[in-house]
């Protein structure tokens, strides 16, 4: 767990809209998977949203 204290909404509120995302990530990522990873971060503060961002920005 990261030492950073991030103020974020709930996983349900933060879950990305994947309706128009036809990538493999868009087909596989679901709310359950996102919720499991939601509060995880590296020691340098990289969160799951940072990891999936490229797949969301360039579907």
N, C-alpha and C. Protein backbone atom coordinates (compact mmCIF):
# COMPACT_ATOMS: atom_id res chain seq x y z
N UNK A 1 0.85 -1.17 0.00
CA UNK A 1 0.00 0.00 0.00
C UNK A 1 0.89 1.23 0.00
N UNK A 2 0.46 2.20 -0.69
CA UNK A 2 1.22 3.43 -0.80
C UNK A 2 1.17 4.24 0.49
N UNK A 3 2.17 5.03 0.71
CA UNK A 3 2.17 5.92 1.87
C UNK A 3 1.42 7.21 1.57
N UNK A 4 0.99 7.39 0.32
CA UNK A 4 0.25 8.58 -0.07
C UNK A 4 -1.22 8.41 0.31
N UNK A 5 -1.84 9.48 0.75
CA UNK A 5 -3.26 9.44 1.11
C UNK A 5 -4.04 10.12 -0.01
N UNK A 6 -4.62 9.33 -0.88
CA UNK A 6 -5.37 9.87 -2.01
C UNK A 6 -6.83 10.04 -1.63
N UNK A 7 -7.40 11.17 -1.94
CA UNK A 7 -8.83 11.40 -1.70
C UNK A 7 -9.55 11.11 -3.00
N UNK A 8 -10.21 9.97 -3.03
CA UNK A 8 -10.90 9.53 -4.23
C UNK A 8 -12.31 9.12 -3.87
N UNK A 9 -13.16 9.03 -4.88
CA UNK A 9 -14.52 8.55 -4.67
C UNK A 9 -14.51 7.05 -4.48
N UNK A 10 -15.67 6.46 -4.54
CA UNK A 10 -15.78 5.01 -4.42
C UNK A 10 -15.39 4.37 -5.74
N UNK A 11 -15.03 3.08 -5.73
CA UNK A 11 -14.70 2.41 -6.99
C UNK A 11 -15.84 2.49 -8.00
N UNK A 12 -17.08 2.40 -7.53
CA UNK A 12 -18.22 2.47 -8.44
C UNK A 12 -18.30 3.84 -9.11
N UNK A 13 -18.00 4.90 -8.36
CA UNK A 13 -18.02 6.26 -8.92
C UNK A 13 -16.86 6.50 -9.88
N UNK A 14 -15.72 5.90 -9.60
CA UNK A 14 -14.50 6.13 -10.38
C UNK A 14 -14.36 5.18 -11.57
N UNK A 15 -15.18 4.13 -11.63
CA UNK A 15 -15.04 3.14 -12.71
C UNK A 15 -15.25 3.82 -14.06
N UNK A 16 -14.30 3.61 -14.99
CA UNK A 16 -14.40 4.30 -16.29
C UNK A 16 -15.55 3.77 -17.14
N UNK A 17 -16.08 4.63 -17.98
CA UNK A 17 -17.12 4.24 -18.93
C UNK A 17 -16.45 3.52 -20.09
N UNK A 18 -16.73 2.24 -20.25
CA UNK A 18 -16.09 1.43 -21.28
C UNK A 18 -17.05 1.09 -22.42
N UNK A 19 -18.16 1.81 -22.53
CA UNK A 19 -19.16 1.51 -23.56
C UNK A 19 -18.60 1.58 -24.97
N UNK A 20 -17.75 2.53 -25.25
CA UNK A 20 -17.19 2.69 -26.60
C UNK A 20 -15.75 2.21 -26.70
N UNK A 21 -15.28 1.52 -25.70
CA UNK A 21 -13.91 1.02 -25.69
C UNK A 21 -13.93 -0.42 -26.16
N UNK A 22 -13.43 -0.66 -27.37
CA UNK A 22 -13.48 -2.00 -27.97
C UNK A 22 -12.14 -2.69 -27.93
N UNK A 23 -11.28 -2.29 -26.99
CA UNK A 23 -9.98 -2.93 -26.83
C UNK A 23 -10.15 -4.17 -25.96
N UNK A 24 -9.09 -4.97 -25.86
CA UNK A 24 -9.12 -6.13 -24.98
C UNK A 24 -9.36 -5.70 -23.55
N UNK A 25 -8.72 -4.63 -23.14
CA UNK A 25 -8.93 -4.13 -21.78
C UNK A 25 -10.39 -3.75 -21.57
N UNK A 26 -10.99 -3.10 -22.54
CA UNK A 26 -12.39 -2.69 -22.44
C UNK A 26 -13.34 -3.87 -22.33
N UNK A 27 -12.98 -5.00 -22.94
CA UNK A 27 -13.83 -6.19 -22.87
C UNK A 27 -13.64 -6.95 -21.56
N UNK A 28 -12.43 -6.88 -20.98
CA UNK A 28 -12.11 -7.70 -19.81
C UNK A 28 -12.34 -6.97 -18.49
N UNK A 29 -11.99 -5.69 -18.42
CA UNK A 29 -12.08 -4.95 -17.16
C UNK A 29 -13.54 -4.81 -16.73
N UNK A 30 -13.82 -5.21 -15.51
CA UNK A 30 -15.17 -5.07 -14.96
C UNK A 30 -15.08 -4.41 -13.58
N UNK A 31 -16.21 -4.07 -13.02
CA UNK A 31 -16.24 -3.36 -11.74
C UNK A 31 -15.60 -4.18 -10.63
N UNK A 32 -15.82 -5.48 -10.63
CA UNK A 32 -15.23 -6.33 -9.58
C UNK A 32 -13.70 -6.27 -9.64
N UNK A 33 -13.13 -6.41 -10.82
CA UNK A 33 -11.68 -6.37 -10.99
C UNK A 33 -11.14 -4.99 -10.60
N UNK A 34 -11.83 -3.95 -11.04
CA UNK A 34 -11.41 -2.58 -10.74
C UNK A 34 -11.44 -2.32 -9.23
N UNK A 35 -12.47 -2.81 -8.56
CA UNK A 35 -12.60 -2.63 -7.11
C UNK A 35 -11.46 -3.30 -6.37
N UNK A 36 -11.05 -4.49 -6.80
CA UNK A 36 -9.95 -5.19 -6.15
C UNK A 36 -8.64 -4.40 -6.24
N UNK A 37 -8.44 -3.68 -7.33
CA UNK A 37 -7.19 -2.95 -7.54
C UNK A 37 -7.27 -1.48 -7.11
N UNK A 38 -8.43 -1.01 -6.77
CA UNK A 38 -8.70 0.42 -6.58
C UNK A 38 -7.78 1.09 -5.57
N UNK A 39 -7.56 0.50 -4.43
CA UNK A 39 -6.77 1.14 -3.37
C UNK A 39 -5.30 0.75 -3.39
N UNK A 40 -4.87 0.05 -4.40
CA UNK A 40 -3.47 -0.35 -4.48
C UNK A 40 -2.65 0.73 -5.18
N UNK A 41 -1.42 0.87 -4.73
CA UNK A 41 -0.50 1.84 -5.33
C UNK A 41 0.93 1.38 -5.08
N UNK A 42 1.82 1.78 -5.97
CA UNK A 42 3.23 1.49 -5.75
C UNK A 42 3.77 2.45 -4.69
N UNK A 43 4.98 2.19 -4.25
CA UNK A 43 5.59 3.08 -3.26
C UNK A 43 5.78 4.49 -3.80
N UNK A 44 5.90 4.61 -5.12
CA UNK A 44 6.09 5.94 -5.72
C UNK A 44 4.76 6.62 -6.04
N UNK A 45 3.64 5.97 -5.73
CA UNK A 45 2.33 6.61 -5.88
C UNK A 45 1.59 6.30 -7.16
N UNK A 46 2.06 5.35 -7.95
CA UNK A 46 1.36 4.98 -9.18
C UNK A 46 0.15 4.13 -8.80
N UNK A 47 -1.03 4.58 -9.22
CA UNK A 47 -2.26 3.86 -8.90
C UNK A 47 -2.76 3.12 -10.14
N UNK A 48 -3.74 2.26 -9.93
CA UNK A 48 -4.28 1.44 -11.02
C UNK A 48 -4.80 2.30 -12.17
N UNK A 49 -5.41 3.43 -11.86
CA UNK A 49 -5.92 4.33 -12.91
C UNK A 49 -4.78 4.82 -13.81
N UNK A 50 -3.60 5.05 -13.23
CA UNK A 50 -2.45 5.46 -14.04
C UNK A 50 -2.05 4.37 -15.02
N UNK A 51 -2.17 3.13 -14.59
CA UNK A 51 -1.78 1.99 -15.43
C UNK A 51 -2.75 1.79 -16.58
N UNK A 52 -4.04 1.94 -16.35
CA UNK A 52 -5.03 1.68 -17.40
C UNK A 52 -5.31 2.90 -18.27
N UNK A 53 -4.80 4.07 -17.89
CA UNK A 53 -5.09 5.32 -18.62
C UNK A 53 -4.79 5.22 -20.12
N UNK A 54 -3.65 4.68 -20.57
CA UNK A 54 -3.41 4.62 -22.02
C UNK A 54 -4.48 3.84 -22.77
N UNK A 55 -5.01 2.79 -22.18
CA UNK A 55 -6.06 2.02 -22.81
C UNK A 55 -7.39 2.74 -22.85
N UNK A 56 -7.57 3.73 -21.99
CA UNK A 56 -8.80 4.51 -21.97
C UNK A 56 -8.72 5.70 -22.92
N UNK A 57 -7.54 6.29 -23.05
CA UNK A 57 -7.39 7.48 -23.88
C UNK A 57 -7.30 7.15 -25.37
N UNK A 58 -6.77 5.99 -25.72
CA UNK A 58 -6.60 5.61 -27.12
C UNK A 58 -7.26 4.27 -27.40
N UNK A 59 -8.58 4.20 -27.33
CA UNK A 59 -9.24 2.89 -27.51
C UNK A 59 -9.17 2.38 -28.92
